[in-house]
């Protein structure tokens, strides 16, 4: 495995570890606690970051999203269109993500496994491939992968913060 592949596998592994750290041991009530009436919940944040990883990696790999391929969309039973991943969601949409912790973790783990498999398959020269010309400069495969890691880490950090608040409040 190349150095680039190993670094990305490690980075996505850190996301997975942090997701488990934010979710494990919490109840559904704790996962859906809002620190103010409009705040995101741990459940929504973890669902969203996993949906983004799934969406973006499926696009890069030119495959179907795990969400659709393995019918996670039905298992979650959310009132959103199947392709929804959280961008533009309202406060009511955030509240709708109320699922058991095991479901969140199982979906994240399935997406993580597909992500690792994809990253391990990449050849070094593929990192320079332009995957999105809508930006200036155009976005390469490497930049998109790092962007997903960065976005996921921001959201899982938010989830970890909320976890700390929830536990301190004794919720």
N, C-alpha and C. Protein backbone atom coordinates (compact mmCIF):
# COMPACT_ATOMS: atom_id res chain seq x y z
N UNK A 1 0.87 -1.18 0.00
CA UNK A 1 0.00 0.00 0.00
C UNK A 1 0.90 1.23 0.00
N UNK A 2 0.52 2.22 -0.80
CA UNK A 2 1.32 3.44 -0.88
C UNK A 2 1.17 4.26 0.40
N UNK A 3 2.07 5.22 0.55
CA UNK A 3 2.01 6.11 1.71
C UNK A 3 0.70 6.90 1.71
N UNK A 4 0.29 7.39 0.54
CA UNK A 4 -0.96 8.16 0.45
C UNK A 4 -2.14 7.30 0.87
N UNK A 5 -2.19 6.06 0.39
CA UNK A 5 -3.30 5.17 0.77
C UNK A 5 -3.29 4.93 2.27
N UNK A 6 -2.11 4.66 2.83
CA UNK A 6 -2.00 4.39 4.26
C UNK A 6 -2.44 5.59 5.09
N UNK A 7 -2.06 6.78 4.67
CA UNK A 7 -2.46 7.99 5.41
C UNK A 7 -3.97 8.17 5.39
N UNK A 8 -4.59 7.96 4.23
CA UNK A 8 -6.04 8.12 4.14
C UNK A 8 -6.78 7.03 4.91
N UNK A 9 -6.29 5.80 4.84
CA UNK A 9 -6.91 4.72 5.62
C UNK A 9 -6.84 5.06 7.10
N UNK A 10 -5.70 5.58 7.54
CA UNK A 10 -5.55 5.98 8.94
C UNK A 10 -6.53 7.11 9.28
N UNK A 11 -6.63 8.10 8.41
CA UNK A 11 -7.51 9.25 8.67
C UNK A 11 -8.97 8.81 8.78
N UNK A 12 -9.42 7.97 7.83
CA UNK A 12 -10.80 7.49 7.90
C UNK A 12 -10.99 6.57 9.11
N UNK A 13 -9.95 5.86 9.51
CA UNK A 13 -10.02 5.05 10.73
C UNK A 13 -10.21 5.92 11.96
N UNK A 14 -9.56 7.08 11.98
CA UNK A 14 -9.74 8.00 13.10
C UNK A 14 -11.16 8.54 13.15
N UNK A 15 -11.75 8.78 11.98
CA UNK A 15 -13.16 9.20 11.94
C UNK A 15 -14.02 8.10 12.56
N UNK A 16 -13.80 6.86 12.14
CA UNK A 16 -14.59 5.74 12.66
C UNK A 16 -14.45 5.63 14.19
N UNK A 17 -13.22 5.71 14.68
CA UNK A 17 -13.00 5.63 16.14
C UNK A 17 -13.74 6.76 16.86
N UNK A 18 -13.68 7.95 16.30
CA UNK A 18 -14.34 9.09 16.94
C UNK A 18 -15.87 8.95 16.89
N UNK A 19 -16.39 8.41 15.79
CA UNK A 19 -17.84 8.16 15.69
C UNK A 19 -18.25 7.18 16.79
N UNK A 20 -17.53 6.10 16.93
CA UNK A 20 -17.86 5.13 17.98
C UNK A 20 -17.75 5.78 19.36
N UNK A 21 -16.73 6.60 19.56
CA UNK A 21 -16.56 7.28 20.83
C UNK A 21 -17.69 8.25 21.15
N UNK A 22 -18.26 8.84 20.13
CA UNK A 22 -19.36 9.80 20.33
C UNK A 22 -20.69 9.12 20.58
N UNK A 23 -20.86 7.90 20.06
CA UNK A 23 -22.17 7.24 20.07
C UNK A 23 -22.28 6.13 21.11
N UNK A 24 -21.25 5.32 21.26
CA UNK A 24 -21.35 4.13 22.12
C UNK A 24 -21.75 4.49 23.55
N UNK A 25 -22.68 3.70 24.07
CA UNK A 25 -23.11 3.87 25.45
C UNK A 25 -24.21 4.89 25.65
N UNK A 26 -24.63 5.54 24.57
CA UNK A 26 -25.70 6.54 24.69
C UNK A 26 -27.05 5.93 24.34
N UNK A 27 -28.09 6.50 24.92
CA UNK A 27 -29.46 6.10 24.61
C UNK A 27 -29.97 6.93 23.42
N UNK A 28 -31.09 6.52 22.88
CA UNK A 28 -31.71 7.31 21.81
C UNK A 28 -32.03 8.72 22.30
N UNK A 29 -32.48 8.82 23.53
CA UNK A 29 -32.80 10.14 24.08
C UNK A 29 -31.54 11.02 24.11
N UNK A 30 -30.43 10.45 24.52
CA UNK A 30 -29.18 11.21 24.55
C UNK A 30 -28.72 11.56 23.14
N UNK A 31 -28.89 10.65 22.21
CA UNK A 31 -28.48 10.90 20.83
C UNK A 31 -29.30 12.01 20.17
N UNK A 32 -30.51 12.21 20.65
CA UNK A 32 -31.39 13.23 20.04
C UNK A 32 -31.53 14.48 20.91
N UNK A 33 -30.76 14.56 21.98
CA UNK A 33 -30.81 15.75 22.83
C UNK A 33 -30.30 16.97 22.05
N UNK A 34 -30.98 18.09 22.24
CA UNK A 34 -30.57 19.33 21.59
C UNK A 34 -30.13 20.31 22.67
N UNK A 35 -28.93 20.86 22.49
CA UNK A 35 -28.43 21.78 23.51
C UNK A 35 -29.08 23.15 23.41
N UNK A 36 -29.78 23.40 22.32
CA UNK A 36 -30.73 24.51 22.21
C UNK A 36 -31.76 24.08 21.19
N UNK A 37 -32.89 24.77 21.09
CA UNK A 37 -33.98 24.28 20.25
C UNK A 37 -33.64 24.10 18.76
N UNK A 38 -32.62 24.75 18.27
CA UNK A 38 -32.27 24.65 16.85
C UNK A 38 -30.97 23.86 16.62
N UNK A 39 -30.35 23.37 17.67
CA UNK A 39 -29.04 22.71 17.55
C UNK A 39 -29.15 21.35 16.87
N UNK A 40 -28.07 20.97 16.22
CA UNK A 40 -27.97 19.62 15.68
C UNK A 40 -27.85 18.63 16.83
N UNK A 41 -28.23 17.39 16.55
CA UNK A 41 -28.13 16.33 17.53
C UNK A 41 -26.96 15.42 17.16
N UNK A 42 -26.54 14.60 18.10
CA UNK A 42 -25.51 13.62 17.81
C UNK A 42 -25.99 12.68 16.71
N UNK A 43 -27.23 12.23 16.82
CA UNK A 43 -27.77 11.30 15.81
C UNK A 43 -27.72 11.92 14.42
N UNK A 44 -28.16 13.17 14.29
CA UNK A 44 -28.16 13.80 12.96
C UNK A 44 -26.73 14.00 12.47
N UNK A 45 -25.84 14.47 13.33
CA UNK A 45 -24.46 14.72 12.92
C UNK A 45 -23.78 13.44 12.41
N UNK A 46 -23.96 12.34 13.13
CA UNK A 46 -23.33 11.08 12.72
C UNK A 46 -23.97 10.56 11.44
N UNK A 47 -25.29 10.64 11.34
CA UNK A 47 -25.97 10.23 10.10
C UNK A 47 -25.46 11.08 8.94
N UNK A 48 -25.41 12.38 9.13
CA UNK A 48 -24.99 13.31 8.06
C UNK A 48 -23.54 13.05 7.63
N UNK A 49 -22.62 12.96 8.57
CA UNK A 49 -21.22 12.77 8.17
C UNK A 49 -21.03 11.43 7.46
N UNK A 50 -21.81 10.44 7.86
CA UNK A 50 -21.72 9.14 7.21
C UNK A 50 -22.34 9.19 5.82
N UNK A 51 -23.45 9.90 5.69
CA UNK A 51 -24.08 10.06 4.38
C UNK A 51 -23.15 10.80 3.42
N UNK A 52 -22.46 11.82 3.90
CA UNK A 52 -21.52 12.57 3.04
C UNK A 52 -20.38 11.66 2.59
N UNK A 53 -19.81 10.92 3.53
CA UNK A 53 -18.73 10.00 3.16
C UNK A 53 -19.24 8.99 2.13
N UNK A 54 -20.41 8.43 2.36
CA UNK A 54 -21.00 7.45 1.46
C UNK A 54 -21.23 8.07 0.08
N UNK A 55 -21.85 9.23 0.05
CA UNK A 55 -22.17 9.92 -1.21
C UNK A 55 -20.90 10.25 -2.00
N UNK A 56 -19.95 10.86 -1.35
CA UNK A 56 -18.75 11.31 -2.05
C UNK A 56 -17.86 10.15 -2.50
N UNK A 57 -17.74 9.12 -1.66
CA UNK A 57 -16.92 7.97 -2.04
C UNK A 57 -17.58 7.16 -3.15
N UNK A 58 -18.89 7.05 -3.12
CA UNK A 58 -19.59 6.36 -4.21
C UNK A 58 -19.38 7.11 -5.52
N UNK A 59 -19.42 8.43 -5.45
CA UNK A 59 -19.18 9.23 -6.65
C UNK A 59 -17.76 9.00 -7.17
N UNK A 60 -16.78 9.04 -6.29
CA UNK A 60 -15.39 8.81 -6.71
C UNK A 60 -15.19 7.41 -7.29
N UNK A 61 -15.80 6.42 -6.66
CA UNK A 61 -15.63 5.03 -7.08
C UNK A 61 -16.55 4.66 -8.24
N UNK A 62 -17.46 5.57 -8.56
CA UNK A 62 -18.46 5.31 -9.61
C UNK A 62 -19.26 4.05 -9.30
N UNK A 63 -19.73 3.99 -8.05
CA UNK A 63 -20.54 2.87 -7.58
C UNK A 63 -21.79 3.42 -6.90
N UNK A 64 -22.70 2.53 -6.59
CA UNK A 64 -23.90 2.92 -5.86
C UNK A 64 -23.56 3.17 -4.39
N UNK A 65 -24.24 4.10 -3.78
CA UNK A 65 -24.04 4.36 -2.36
C UNK A 65 -24.44 3.14 -1.53
N UNK A 66 -23.72 2.90 -0.46
CA UNK A 66 -24.06 1.84 0.49
C UNK A 66 -25.48 2.06 1.01
N UNK A 67 -25.84 3.31 1.23
CA UNK A 67 -27.17 3.71 1.72
C UNK A 67 -28.28 3.09 0.87
N UNK A 68 -28.09 3.10 -0.44
CA UNK A 68 -29.08 2.57 -1.36
C UNK A 68 -28.83 1.09 -1.66
N UNK A 69 -27.59 0.74 -1.94
CA UNK A 69 -27.25 -0.63 -2.34
C UNK A 69 -27.65 -1.65 -1.28
N UNK A 70 -27.42 -1.33 -0.02
CA UNK A 70 -27.70 -2.26 1.08
C UNK A 70 -28.98 -1.91 1.83
N UNK A 71 -29.78 -1.04 1.24
CA UNK A 71 -31.10 -0.66 1.75
C UNK A 71 -31.09 -0.09 3.17
N UNK A 72 -30.04 0.66 3.50
CA UNK A 72 -30.05 1.38 4.77
C UNK A 72 -31.16 2.41 4.79
N UNK A 73 -31.52 2.92 3.63
CA UNK A 73 -32.57 3.93 3.56
C UNK A 73 -33.86 3.40 4.19
N UNK A 74 -34.22 2.14 3.93
CA UNK A 74 -35.43 1.55 4.52
C UNK A 74 -35.23 1.25 6.00
N UNK A 75 -34.04 0.80 6.36
CA UNK A 75 -33.78 0.47 7.76
C UNK A 75 -33.89 1.71 8.65
N UNK A 76 -33.45 2.85 8.13
CA UNK A 76 -33.54 4.09 8.90
C UNK A 76 -34.95 4.64 8.89
N UNK A 77 -35.68 4.47 7.80
CA UNK A 77 -37.06 4.92 7.71
C UNK A 77 -37.26 6.41 7.90
N UNK A 78 -36.32 7.20 7.41
CA UNK A 78 -36.41 8.66 7.58
C UNK A 78 -37.34 9.28 6.54
N UNK A 79 -37.96 10.40 6.88
CA UNK A 79 -38.92 11.03 5.98
C UNK A 79 -38.26 11.93 4.92
N UNK A 80 -37.13 11.48 4.37
CA UNK A 80 -36.40 12.26 3.38
C UNK A 80 -36.36 11.48 2.07
N UNK A 81 -36.08 12.20 0.99
CA UNK A 81 -35.87 11.50 -0.28
C UNK A 81 -34.64 10.61 -0.12
N UNK A 82 -34.57 9.52 -0.85
CA UNK A 82 -33.46 8.57 -0.66
C UNK A 82 -32.06 9.17 -0.82
N UNK A 83 -31.91 10.16 -1.69
CA UNK A 83 -30.58 10.74 -1.92
C UNK A 83 -30.19 11.79 -0.88
N UNK A 84 -31.07 12.12 0.04
CA UNK A 84 -30.79 13.17 1.03
C UNK A 84 -29.57 12.81 1.87
N UNK A 85 -28.77 13.84 2.17
CA UNK A 85 -27.61 13.63 3.02
C UNK A 85 -27.43 14.73 4.05
N UNK A 86 -28.38 15.63 4.15
CA UNK A 86 -28.36 16.58 5.24
C UNK A 86 -28.13 18.03 4.87
N UNK A 87 -27.53 18.30 3.71
CA UNK A 87 -27.33 19.69 3.34
C UNK A 87 -28.68 20.36 3.18
N UNK A 88 -28.83 21.52 3.82
CA UNK A 88 -30.07 22.28 3.74
C UNK A 88 -31.17 21.78 4.65
N UNK A 89 -30.87 20.88 5.53
CA UNK A 89 -31.91 20.36 6.42
C UNK A 89 -32.37 21.42 7.42
N UNK A 90 -33.65 21.36 7.70
CA UNK A 90 -34.27 22.26 8.68
C UNK A 90 -34.14 21.67 10.08
N UNK A 91 -34.54 22.45 11.05
CA UNK A 91 -34.57 21.99 12.43
C UNK A 91 -35.46 20.76 12.58
N UNK A 92 -36.58 20.75 11.87
CA UNK A 92 -37.49 19.60 11.91
C UNK A 92 -36.84 18.37 11.30
N UNK A 93 -36.07 18.56 10.24
CA UNK A 93 -35.36 17.43 9.62
C UNK A 93 -34.33 16.85 10.59
N UNK A 94 -33.62 17.72 11.29
CA UNK A 94 -32.64 17.26 12.27
C UNK A 94 -33.35 16.40 13.32
N UNK A 95 -34.49 16.86 13.81
CA UNK A 95 -35.23 16.12 14.83
C UNK A 95 -35.73 14.77 14.33
N UNK A 96 -35.91 14.63 13.03
CA UNK A 96 -36.44 13.39 12.46
C UNK A 96 -35.44 12.24 12.53
N UNK A 97 -34.17 12.54 12.69
CA UNK A 97 -33.15 11.48 12.77
C UNK A 97 -33.11 10.98 14.21
N UNK A 98 -33.97 10.00 14.48
CA UNK A 98 -34.13 9.42 15.81
C UNK A 98 -34.11 7.91 15.63
N UNK A 99 -32.90 7.35 15.73
CA UNK A 99 -32.70 5.92 15.49
C UNK A 99 -31.83 5.34 16.59
N UNK A 100 -31.84 4.02 16.73
CA UNK A 100 -31.00 3.39 17.76
C UNK A 100 -29.52 3.59 17.47
N UNK A 101 -28.70 3.67 18.52
CA UNK A 101 -27.27 3.87 18.31
C UNK A 101 -26.63 2.78 17.46
N UNK A 102 -27.09 1.55 17.62
CA UNK A 102 -26.52 0.44 16.85
C UNK A 102 -26.71 0.64 15.36
N UNK A 103 -27.84 1.21 14.97
CA UNK A 103 -28.11 1.45 13.55
C UNK A 103 -27.14 2.48 12.98
N UNK A 104 -26.93 3.56 13.72
CA UNK A 104 -25.96 4.58 13.29
C UNK A 104 -24.57 3.98 13.11
N UNK A 105 -24.15 3.19 14.10
CA UNK A 105 -22.81 2.62 14.06
C UNK A 105 -22.68 1.56 12.97
N UNK A 106 -23.69 0.75 12.79
CA UNK A 106 -23.63 -0.28 11.75
C UNK A 106 -23.54 0.35 10.36
N UNK A 107 -24.32 1.39 10.13
CA UNK A 107 -24.25 2.07 8.83
C UNK A 107 -22.88 2.71 8.65
N UNK A 108 -22.40 3.39 9.68
CA UNK A 108 -21.08 4.02 9.56
C UNK A 108 -20.01 2.97 9.27
N UNK A 109 -20.05 1.85 9.97
CA UNK A 109 -19.06 0.79 9.78
C UNK A 109 -19.12 0.23 8.36
N UNK A 110 -20.31 0.09 7.80
CA UNK A 110 -20.45 -0.41 6.43
C UNK A 110 -19.85 0.58 5.44
N UNK A 111 -20.10 1.86 5.65
CA UNK A 111 -19.53 2.89 4.77
C UNK A 111 -18.01 2.92 4.94
N UNK A 112 -17.55 2.83 6.18
CA UNK A 112 -16.10 2.84 6.43
C UNK A 112 -15.42 1.68 5.70
N UNK A 113 -16.00 0.50 5.75
CA UNK A 113 -15.41 -0.67 5.08
C UNK A 113 -15.30 -0.43 3.58
N UNK A 114 -16.35 0.13 2.98
CA UNK A 114 -16.31 0.42 1.54
C UNK A 114 -15.26 1.50 1.26
N UNK A 115 -15.17 2.51 2.12
CA UNK A 115 -14.19 3.58 1.95
C UNK A 115 -12.77 3.03 1.97
N UNK A 116 -12.47 2.21 2.96
CA UNK A 116 -11.13 1.63 3.08
C UNK A 116 -10.81 0.77 1.86
N UNK A 117 -11.75 -0.03 1.43
CA UNK A 117 -11.53 -0.88 0.26
C UNK A 117 -11.21 -0.03 -0.97
N UNK A 118 -11.96 1.05 -1.13
CA UNK A 118 -11.72 1.94 -2.27
C UNK A 118 -10.35 2.61 -2.18
N UNK A 119 -10.04 3.19 -1.04
CA UNK A 119 -8.77 3.90 -0.89
C UNK A 119 -7.59 2.94 -1.09
N UNK A 120 -7.69 1.74 -0.55
CA UNK A 120 -6.61 0.77 -0.72
C UNK A 120 -6.40 0.38 -2.18
N UNK A 121 -7.44 0.52 -3.00
CA UNK A 121 -7.35 0.13 -4.41
C UNK A 121 -6.70 1.20 -5.30
N UNK A 122 -6.56 2.42 -4.77
CA UNK A 122 -6.06 3.52 -5.59
C UNK A 122 -4.56 3.39 -5.89
N UNK A 123 -4.22 3.74 -7.12
CA UNK A 123 -2.81 3.87 -7.50
C UNK A 123 -2.42 5.34 -7.31
N UNK A 124 -1.18 5.59 -6.99
CA UNK A 124 -0.73 6.96 -6.70
C UNK A 124 -1.12 7.95 -7.79
N UNK A 125 -1.02 7.58 -9.04
CA UNK A 125 -1.32 8.51 -10.14
C UNK A 125 -2.80 8.89 -10.19
N UNK A 126 -3.67 8.09 -9.59
CA UNK A 126 -5.10 8.40 -9.60
C UNK A 126 -5.45 9.58 -8.69
N UNK A 127 -4.60 9.88 -7.73
CA UNK A 127 -4.88 11.00 -6.82
C UNK A 127 -4.91 12.34 -7.55
N UNK A 128 -4.22 12.44 -8.67
CA UNK A 128 -4.19 13.69 -9.44
C UNK A 128 -5.35 13.83 -10.41
N UNK A 129 -6.18 12.81 -10.57
CA UNK A 129 -7.32 12.88 -11.48
C UNK A 129 -8.26 14.00 -11.05
N UNK A 130 -8.69 14.83 -11.98
CA UNK A 130 -9.68 15.88 -11.70
C UNK A 130 -11.05 15.21 -11.64
N UNK A 131 -11.76 15.43 -10.53
CA UNK A 131 -13.08 14.82 -10.34
C UNK A 131 -14.21 15.84 -10.32
N UNK A 132 -13.86 17.13 -10.28
CA UNK A 132 -14.89 18.18 -10.24
C UNK A 132 -14.31 19.46 -10.82
N UNK A 133 -14.81 19.83 -12.00
CA UNK A 133 -14.32 21.04 -12.69
C UNK A 133 -15.15 22.28 -12.33
N UNK A 134 -16.10 22.13 -11.43
CA UNK A 134 -16.95 23.27 -11.05
C UNK A 134 -16.22 24.26 -10.15
N UNK A 135 -15.03 23.95 -9.71
CA UNK A 135 -14.26 24.78 -8.80
C UNK A 135 -13.03 25.31 -9.51
N UNK A 136 -12.50 26.41 -9.00
CA UNK A 136 -11.26 26.97 -9.53
C UNK A 136 -10.27 27.09 -8.38
N UNK A 137 -9.26 26.27 -8.30
CA UNK A 137 -8.88 25.27 -9.31
C UNK A 137 -9.78 24.04 -9.24
N UNK A 138 -9.80 23.25 -10.31
CA UNK A 138 -10.59 22.02 -10.31
C UNK A 138 -10.15 21.09 -9.17
N UNK A 139 -11.09 20.31 -8.68
CA UNK A 139 -10.86 19.43 -7.53
C UNK A 139 -10.33 18.08 -8.01
N UNK A 140 -9.23 17.67 -7.40
CA UNK A 140 -8.67 16.35 -7.70
C UNK A 140 -9.23 15.30 -6.74
N UNK A 141 -8.99 14.05 -7.07
CA UNK A 141 -9.42 12.94 -6.21
C UNK A 141 -8.80 13.09 -4.81
N UNK A 142 -7.52 13.45 -4.75
CA UNK A 142 -6.85 13.63 -3.45
C UNK A 142 -7.52 14.72 -2.63
N UNK A 143 -7.80 15.84 -3.27
CA UNK A 143 -8.43 16.96 -2.55
C UNK A 143 -9.82 16.57 -2.07
N UNK A 144 -10.59 15.85 -2.89
CA UNK A 144 -11.93 15.44 -2.47
C UNK A 144 -11.85 14.50 -1.27
N UNK A 145 -10.93 13.58 -1.28
CA UNK A 145 -10.79 12.64 -0.15
C UNK A 145 -10.40 13.38 1.13
N UNK A 146 -9.47 14.30 1.03
CA UNK A 146 -9.07 15.08 2.21
C UNK A 146 -10.22 15.95 2.69
N UNK A 147 -11.00 16.48 1.76
CA UNK A 147 -12.16 17.29 2.11
C UNK A 147 -13.19 16.46 2.90
N UNK A 148 -13.41 15.23 2.49
CA UNK A 148 -14.36 14.37 3.20
C UNK A 148 -13.84 14.09 4.62
N UNK A 149 -12.56 13.79 4.74
CA UNK A 149 -11.97 13.55 6.07
C UNK A 149 -12.17 14.79 6.94
N UNK A 150 -11.85 15.96 6.40
CA UNK A 150 -11.98 17.20 7.17
C UNK A 150 -13.41 17.47 7.61
N UNK A 151 -14.35 17.29 6.70
CA UNK A 151 -15.77 17.51 7.01
C UNK A 151 -16.23 16.52 8.08
N UNK A 152 -15.86 15.24 7.90
CA UNK A 152 -16.25 14.23 8.87
C UNK A 152 -15.68 14.52 10.26
N UNK A 153 -14.42 14.92 10.31
CA UNK A 153 -13.80 15.21 11.61
C UNK A 153 -14.45 16.41 12.29
N UNK A 154 -14.83 17.42 11.51
CA UNK A 154 -15.53 18.57 12.12
C UNK A 154 -16.84 18.13 12.74
N UNK A 155 -17.62 17.34 12.00
CA UNK A 155 -18.93 16.92 12.50
C UNK A 155 -18.82 15.95 13.67
N UNK A 156 -17.85 15.04 13.61
CA UNK A 156 -17.73 14.12 14.74
C UNK A 156 -17.21 14.86 15.97
N UNK A 157 -16.42 15.90 15.77
CA UNK A 157 -16.01 16.73 16.90
C UNK A 157 -17.19 17.43 17.54
N UNK A 158 -18.12 17.90 16.71
CA UNK A 158 -19.34 18.51 17.23
C UNK A 158 -20.15 17.48 18.03
N UNK A 159 -20.25 16.26 17.49
CA UNK A 159 -20.99 15.20 18.18
C UNK A 159 -20.33 14.88 19.53
N UNK A 160 -19.01 14.84 19.55
CA UNK A 160 -18.29 14.55 20.81
C UNK A 160 -18.53 15.66 21.83
N UNK A 161 -18.55 16.90 21.36
CA UNK A 161 -18.84 18.02 22.27
C UNK A 161 -20.24 17.88 22.87
N UNK A 162 -21.22 17.59 22.02
CA UNK A 162 -22.59 17.45 22.50
C UNK A 162 -22.68 16.28 23.48
N UNK A 163 -21.97 15.19 23.19
CA UNK A 163 -21.93 14.06 24.12
C UNK A 163 -21.48 14.53 25.51
N UNK A 164 -20.41 15.32 25.54
CA UNK A 164 -19.90 15.81 26.81
C UNK A 164 -20.94 16.66 27.54
N UNK A 165 -21.63 17.51 26.81
CA UNK A 165 -22.69 18.33 27.41
C UNK A 165 -23.79 17.46 27.97
N UNK A 166 -24.25 16.50 27.16
CA UNK A 166 -25.33 15.59 27.57
C UNK A 166 -24.95 14.84 28.84
N UNK A 167 -23.75 14.32 28.87
CA UNK A 167 -23.32 13.54 30.05
C UNK A 167 -23.15 14.44 31.27
N UNK A 168 -22.67 15.65 31.08
CA UNK A 168 -22.52 16.58 32.23
C UNK A 168 -23.86 17.01 32.78
N UNK A 169 -24.85 17.11 31.90
CA UNK A 169 -26.20 17.48 32.34
C UNK A 169 -26.93 16.31 32.99
N UNK A 170 -26.38 15.13 32.85
CA UNK A 170 -27.02 13.93 33.42
C UNK A 170 -28.26 13.52 32.65
N UNK A 171 -28.29 13.84 31.39
CA UNK A 171 -29.46 13.49 30.55
C UNK A 171 -29.49 12.02 30.22
